[in-house]
N, C-alpha and C. Protein backbone atom coordinates (compact mmCIF):
# COMPACT_ATOMS: atom_id res chain seq x y z
N UNK A 1 0.71 -1.33 0.20
CA UNK A 1 -0.09 -0.11 -0.10
C UNK A 1 1.10 1.23 -0.17
N UNK A 2 0.22 2.20 -0.38
CA UNK A 2 1.23 3.28 -1.01
C UNK A 2 1.09 4.23 0.52
N UNK A 3 2.24 5.07 0.63
CA UNK A 3 2.63 5.64 1.97
C UNK A 3 3.03 6.90 1.76
N UNK A 4 2.61 8.14 2.47
CA UNK A 4 2.63 9.20 1.64
C UNK A 4 3.75 10.00 2.49
N UNK A 5 4.49 10.32 1.28
CA UNK A 5 6.29 9.99 1.92
C UNK A 5 6.71 11.64 2.14
N UNK A 6 6.09 13.09 1.51
CA UNK A 6 6.81 13.97 1.33
C UNK A 6 5.68 15.32 1.17
N UNK A 7 4.99 16.06 1.64
CA UNK A 7 3.88 16.99 1.29
C UNK A 7 4.61 18.11 0.67
N UNK A 8 4.30 18.28 -0.70
CA UNK A 8 4.63 19.30 -1.66
C UNK A 8 4.44 20.71 -1.63
N UNK A 9 2.94 20.82 -1.00
CA UNK A 9 2.57 22.00 -0.78
C UNK A 9 3.15 23.10 0.39
N UNK A 10 3.42 24.43 -0.36
CA UNK A 10 4.30 25.22 0.25
C UNK A 10 6.14 25.17 0.56
N UNK A 11 6.40 24.53 -0.52
CA UNK A 11 7.92 23.77 -0.44
C UNK A 11 8.38 24.46 -1.82
N UNK A 12 9.98 24.89 -1.76
CA UNK A 12 10.23 25.49 -2.95
C UNK A 12 10.66 24.89 -4.35
N UNK A 13 10.55 25.45 -4.95
CA UNK A 13 10.91 24.31 -6.00
C UNK A 13 12.47 23.66 -5.96
N UNK A 14 13.25 24.58 -5.57
CA UNK A 14 14.80 24.16 -5.21
C UNK A 14 14.36 22.69 -4.37
N UNK A 15 13.89 22.74 -3.06
CA UNK A 15 13.79 21.79 -1.89
C UNK A 15 12.91 20.95 -3.12
N UNK A 16 12.19 20.92 -3.35
CA UNK A 16 11.22 19.59 -4.08
C UNK A 16 12.52 19.10 -5.02
N UNK A 17 12.76 19.82 -5.66
CA UNK A 17 13.65 19.06 -7.09
C UNK A 17 14.81 18.33 -6.22
N UNK A 18 15.28 18.91 -4.97
CA UNK A 18 16.50 18.28 -4.19
C UNK A 18 15.93 16.87 -3.78
N UNK A 19 14.92 17.02 -2.95
CA UNK A 19 14.07 15.60 -2.60
C UNK A 19 13.92 14.52 -3.68
N UNK A 20 13.38 14.92 -4.66
CA UNK A 20 13.32 14.42 -5.83
C UNK A 20 14.42 13.26 -5.99
N UNK A 21 15.28 14.04 -6.08
CA UNK A 21 16.93 13.77 -6.46
C UNK A 21 17.46 12.88 -5.85
N UNK A 22 17.15 12.77 -4.40
CA UNK A 22 17.52 12.42 -3.20
C UNK A 22 16.96 10.81 -3.53
N UNK A 23 15.54 10.98 -3.25
CA UNK A 23 14.83 9.62 -3.41
C UNK A 23 15.05 8.78 -4.92
N UNK A 24 15.45 9.39 -5.80
CA UNK A 24 15.78 8.44 -6.96
C UNK A 24 17.28 8.05 -6.98
N UNK A 25 18.27 8.90 -6.54
CA UNK A 25 19.41 8.52 -5.84
C UNK A 25 19.49 6.99 -5.42
N UNK A 26 18.46 7.23 -4.24
CA UNK A 26 18.61 6.24 -3.22
C UNK A 26 18.05 4.79 -3.66
N UNK A 27 17.37 5.20 -4.82
CA UNK A 27 16.13 4.15 -5.34
C UNK A 27 15.16 3.55 -5.05
N UNK A 28 14.27 4.96 -4.35
CA UNK A 28 13.18 4.40 -3.90
C UNK A 28 12.15 4.26 -4.90
N UNK A 29 11.09 3.57 -4.82
CA UNK A 29 9.91 3.24 -6.01
C UNK A 29 8.72 4.05 -5.43
N UNK A 30 8.94 5.69 -5.74
CA UNK A 30 8.09 6.87 -5.71
C UNK A 30 6.79 7.32 -6.60
N UNK A 31 6.18 7.85 -6.60
CA UNK A 31 5.17 8.55 -7.27
C UNK A 31 4.74 9.63 -6.78
N UNK A 32 4.60 10.88 -7.81
CA UNK A 32 3.68 12.25 -7.39
C UNK A 32 2.20 12.15 -7.47
N UNK A 33 1.40 13.33 -6.65
CA UNK A 33 -0.04 13.52 -7.33
C UNK A 33 -0.02 14.96 -7.11
N UNK A 34 -0.56 15.61 -7.81
CA UNK A 34 -1.11 17.19 -7.38
C UNK A 34 -2.34 17.34 -7.28
N UNK A 35 -2.55 18.62 -6.36
CA UNK A 35 -3.81 18.93 -5.92
C UNK A 35 -4.86 18.71 -6.82
N UNK A 36 -4.80 18.99 -8.16
CA UNK A 36 -5.83 19.20 -8.60
C UNK A 36 -6.52 20.75 -8.98
N UNK A 37 -7.56 21.19 -10.26
CA UNK A 37 -7.33 22.11 -10.29
C UNK A 37 -8.46 23.20 -9.04
N UNK A 38 -9.47 22.15 -8.40
CA UNK A 38 -10.02 22.91 -7.43
C UNK A 38 -8.95 22.64 -6.15
N UNK A 39 -7.84 22.40 -5.93
CA UNK A 39 -7.29 21.79 -4.98
C UNK A 39 -7.65 20.96 -4.05
N UNK A 40 -8.38 19.85 -4.09
CA UNK A 40 -9.15 18.70 -3.36
C UNK A 40 -8.50 17.75 -3.28
N UNK A 41 -7.03 17.40 -4.23
CA UNK A 41 -5.83 16.71 -3.90
C UNK A 41 -5.02 17.45 -2.67
N UNK A 42 -4.08 16.31 -2.70
CA UNK A 42 -2.43 16.57 -2.21
C UNK A 42 -1.40 16.53 -3.15
N UNK A 43 -0.63 17.78 -3.30
CA UNK A 43 0.16 17.46 -3.47
C UNK A 43 1.27 17.09 -2.59
N UNK A 44 1.77 15.70 -3.17
CA UNK A 44 3.04 15.11 -2.62
C UNK A 44 4.00 14.20 -3.10
N UNK A 45 4.78 13.54 -2.57
CA UNK A 45 5.65 12.35 -2.73
C UNK A 45 4.94 11.01 -2.27
N UNK A 46 4.90 10.46 -2.76
CA UNK A 46 4.19 8.80 -2.33
C UNK A 46 5.37 7.73 -2.41
N UNK A 47 5.35 7.32 -1.66
CA UNK A 47 6.19 5.65 -1.82
C UNK A 47 5.20 4.54 -1.89
N UNK A 48 5.30 3.83 -3.20
CA UNK A 48 4.66 2.92 -3.42
C UNK A 48 5.39 1.74 -2.40
N UNK A 49 6.09 1.48 -2.14
CA UNK A 49 7.02 0.16 -1.68
C UNK A 49 6.58 0.39 -0.20
N UNK A 50 5.66 -0.16 0.89
CA UNK A 50 6.17 0.27 2.29
C UNK A 50 6.98 -0.56 2.88
N UNK A 51 7.92 -1.53 1.98
CA UNK A 51 8.54 -2.32 2.92
C UNK A 51 10.15 -1.19 2.60
N UNK A 52 9.86 -0.32 2.06
CA UNK A 52 11.18 0.64 1.78
C UNK A 52 10.85 2.22 2.89
N UNK A 53 9.96 1.95 3.62
CA UNK A 53 8.99 3.28 4.31
C UNK A 53 10.71 3.65 5.44
N UNK A 54 10.47 2.57 6.31
CA UNK A 54 11.61 2.95 7.26
C UNK A 54 13.21 3.85 6.43
N UNK A 55 13.77 3.34 5.61
CA UNK A 55 15.07 3.48 5.09
C UNK A 55 14.60 4.76 4.48
N UNK A 56 13.80 5.14 3.96
CA UNK A 56 13.04 6.50 2.83
C UNK A 56 12.86 7.67 4.11
N UNK A 57 12.10 7.42 5.12
CA UNK A 57 12.08 8.43 5.84
C UNK A 57 13.19 8.57 6.91
N UNK A 58 13.80 7.83 7.21
CA UNK A 58 15.27 8.16 7.32
C UNK A 58 16.40 8.98 7.02
N UNK A 59 16.07 8.61 5.33
CA UNK A 59 16.66 9.49 3.92
C UNK A 59 16.17 10.87 4.51
N UNK A 60 15.11 11.03 4.59
CA UNK A 60 14.14 12.47 4.32
C UNK A 60 14.62 13.16 5.53
N UNK A 61 14.87 12.52 7.15
CA UNK A 61 14.86 13.08 8.26
C UNK A 61 16.43 13.73 7.97
N UNK A 62 17.62 12.69 7.13
CA UNK A 62 18.74 13.42 7.34
C UNK A 62 18.99 14.60 6.18
N UNK A 63 17.99 14.34 5.30
CA UNK A 63 18.16 15.82 4.45
C UNK A 63 17.64 17.20 4.82
N UNK A 64 16.55 16.64 5.66
CA UNK A 64 15.97 17.95 6.36
C UNK A 64 16.63 18.69 7.31
N UNK A 65 17.67 17.48 8.30
CA UNK A 65 18.41 17.97 9.18
C UNK A 65 19.52 18.88 8.27
N UNK A 66 20.23 18.15 7.78
CA UNK A 66 20.88 18.79 6.85
C UNK A 66 20.57 20.22 6.21
N UNK A 67 19.42 20.41 5.90
CA UNK A 67 18.79 21.48 5.39
C UNK A 67 18.59 22.75 6.53
N UNK A 68 18.08 22.22 7.36
CA UNK A 68 18.09 22.68 8.48
C UNK A 68 19.75 23.52 9.02
N UNK A 69 20.57 22.91 9.05
CA UNK A 69 22.02 23.40 9.13
C UNK A 69 22.40 24.40 8.77
N UNK A 70 22.24 23.98 7.37
CA UNK A 70 22.58 24.70 6.27
C UNK A 70 22.05 26.65 6.76
N UNK A 71 20.48 26.20 6.51
CA UNK A 71 19.66 27.62 6.83
C UNK A 71 20.07 28.46 7.85
N UNK A 72 20.07 27.58 9.22
CA UNK A 72 20.93 28.26 10.30
C UNK A 72 22.06 28.89 10.14
N UNK A 73 22.92 28.37 9.76
CA UNK A 73 24.48 28.73 9.56
C UNK A 73 24.37 29.61 8.31
N UNK A 74 23.62 30.36 7.35
CA UNK A 74 23.26 30.60 6.30
C UNK A 74 22.77 32.21 7.12
N UNK A 75 21.61 32.10 8.11
CA UNK A 75 21.15 33.10 8.83
C UNK A 75 22.27 33.73 9.80
N UNK A 76 23.17 33.00 10.19
CA UNK A 76 23.99 33.07 11.38
C UNK A 76 24.73 34.15 10.29
N UNK A 77 25.58 33.78 9.45
CA UNK A 77 26.34 34.47 8.88
C UNK A 77 25.93 35.71 8.16
N UNK A 78 24.67 36.11 7.81
CA UNK A 78 23.70 37.28 7.57
C UNK A 78 24.26 38.15 8.80
N UNK A 79 23.56 37.11 10.16
CA UNK A 79 23.71 38.31 10.90
C UNK A 79 24.89 39.10 11.44
N UNK A 80 26.12 38.08 11.32
CA UNK A 80 27.14 38.39 11.63
C UNK A 80 27.55 39.64 10.42
N UNK A 81 27.12 39.71 9.54
CA UNK A 81 27.60 40.53 8.33
C UNK A 81 26.57 41.96 8.71
N UNK A 82 25.91 41.30 9.15
CA UNK A 82 24.35 42.68 8.97
C UNK A 82 23.50 42.67 8.15
N UNK A 83 23.28 41.49 7.29
CA UNK A 83 22.58 41.42 6.10
C UNK A 83 21.48 41.05 6.47
N UNK A 84 21.05 40.33 7.90
CA UNK A 84 20.00 40.24 8.36
C UNK A 84 18.83 40.70 8.01
N UNK A 85 17.45 40.17 7.72
CA UNK A 85 16.26 40.90 7.43
C UNK A 85 15.71 41.37 8.88
N UNK A 86 15.32 42.75 9.15
CA UNK A 86 14.95 43.47 10.28
C UNK A 86 13.57 44.18 10.00
N UNK A 87 13.01 44.20 10.81
CA UNK A 87 11.84 45.34 10.74
C UNK A 87 12.04 46.69 10.11
N UNK A 88 13.07 47.45 10.61
CA UNK A 88 13.30 48.67 9.94
C UNK A 88 14.42 48.57 8.92
N UNK A 89 15.21 47.57 8.43
CA UNK A 89 15.21 47.18 6.82
C UNK A 89 14.09 46.71 6.07
N UNK A 90 13.46 46.16 6.33
CA UNK A 90 11.63 46.09 5.47
C UNK A 90 11.28 47.47 5.66
N UNK A 91 11.33 48.16 6.42
CA UNK A 91 10.35 49.58 6.40
C UNK A 91 10.80 50.34 5.15
N UNK A 92 12.13 50.25 5.38
CA UNK A 92 13.21 51.02 4.15
C UNK A 92 12.91 50.59 2.81
N UNK A 93 12.98 49.48 3.06
CA UNK A 93 12.65 48.75 1.73
C UNK A 93 11.08 48.75 1.19
N UNK A 94 10.64 48.44 1.76
CA UNK A 94 8.87 48.65 1.65
C UNK A 94 7.88 49.35 2.45
N UNK A 95 7.88 50.95 2.41
CA UNK A 95 7.41 51.21 3.58
C UNK A 95 6.35 51.10 3.33
N UNK A 96 5.65 51.33 2.47
CA UNK A 96 3.99 51.23 2.14
C UNK A 96 3.23 50.08 2.66
N UNK A 97 4.09 48.93 2.00
CA UNK A 97 3.32 47.68 2.23
C UNK A 97 3.71 47.18 4.16
N UNK A 98 4.96 47.62 4.91
CA UNK A 98 4.96 47.83 5.98
C UNK A 98 3.83 48.56 7.09
N UNK A 99 3.57 49.38 6.44
CA UNK A 99 2.74 50.93 6.96
C UNK A 99 1.47 49.78 6.57
N UNK A 100 1.18 49.57 6.05
CA UNK A 100 -0.08 48.95 5.64
C UNK A 100 -0.41 47.79 6.79
N UNK A 101 0.80 46.97 6.71
CA UNK A 101 0.48 45.75 7.54
C UNK A 101 0.40 46.12 9.11
N UNK A 102 1.15 47.27 9.32
CA UNK A 102 0.76 48.03 11.07
C UNK A 102 -0.55 48.28 11.11
N UNK A 103 -1.10 48.87 10.19
CA UNK A 103 -2.49 49.90 10.48
C UNK A 103 -3.37 48.57 10.40
N UNK A 104 -3.20 47.55 9.88
CA UNK A 104 -3.80 46.46 9.55
C UNK A 104 -4.41 45.22 11.10
N UNK A 105 -2.80 45.65 11.59
CA UNK A 105 -2.90 44.99 12.89
C UNK A 105 -3.55 45.85 13.87
N UNK A 106 -3.33 47.04 13.55
CA UNK A 106 -4.07 47.89 14.96
C UNK A 106 -5.42 47.61 14.44
N UNK A 107 -6.08 47.65 13.54
CA UNK A 107 -7.55 48.00 13.34
C UNK A 107 -8.13 46.47 13.81
N UNK A 108 -7.23 45.46 13.30
CA UNK A 108 -7.87 43.98 13.85
C UNK A 108 -7.48 43.75 15.25
N UNK A 109 -6.89 44.44 16.24
CA UNK A 109 -6.89 44.54 17.45
C UNK A 109 -7.72 45.42 18.09
N UNK A 110 -8.24 46.65 17.28
CA UNK A 110 -9.10 47.26 18.12
C UNK A 110 -10.68 46.98 17.30
N UNK A 111 -10.96 46.08 16.61
CA UNK A 111 -12.13 45.70 16.45
C UNK A 111 -12.07 44.33 17.52
N UNK A 112 -11.54 43.77 17.59
CA UNK A 112 -11.77 42.83 18.27
C UNK A 112 -11.37 43.09 20.28
N UNK A 113 -10.75 43.80 20.21
CA UNK A 113 -11.07 44.58 21.46
C UNK A 113 -12.23 45.64 22.30
N UNK A 114 -12.76 46.17 20.68
CA UNK A 114 -14.06 47.43 21.20
C UNK A 114 -14.87 46.58 21.82
N UNK A 115 -15.52 45.25 21.83
CA UNK A 115 -17.01 44.96 22.28
C UNK A 115 -16.74 44.68 23.79
N UNK A 116 -15.40 44.36 24.35
CA UNK A 116 -15.05 44.44 25.84
C UNK A 116 -14.87 45.73 26.37
N UNK A 117 -14.37 46.90 25.45
CA UNK A 117 -14.44 48.28 25.99
C UNK A 117 -15.73 48.61 26.30
N UNK A 118 -16.71 48.39 25.85
CA UNK A 118 -18.04 48.59 26.11
C UNK A 118 -18.25 47.99 27.61
N UNK A 119 -17.72 46.85 27.52
CA UNK A 119 -18.68 46.29 28.83
C UNK A 119 -17.66 47.13 29.77
N UNK A 120 -16.81 47.88 29.92
CA UNK A 120 -15.96 48.17 30.96
C UNK A 120 -16.74 49.06 31.71
N UNK A 121 -17.73 50.14 30.94
CA UNK A 121 -18.30 50.94 31.07
C UNK A 121 -19.36 51.11 32.36
């Protein structure tokens, strides 16, 4: 019976290609499904042979651990260089967008708290 191995929703193209290459190089029998036009299905990579499940999950876990370590190292290097994204850098780069987000947050907070402010009287 097929086993859901890796969901492709919200995964970058780069990561999806790397996962496909990893599974292909290690000889796992997999296939992909698409969610379809109405997004009722699942974008995923499935394992056909359930006997390979443990090895496939271990290979993916090792890959994801390595990818996480690389991302963390890149972020630490960006912080050390002073290139890491911060609120102020985003405000300078996109002042209109950041201002709109802040206004939206304040409006949502006011709308949420408005009924309770009326009860305090």
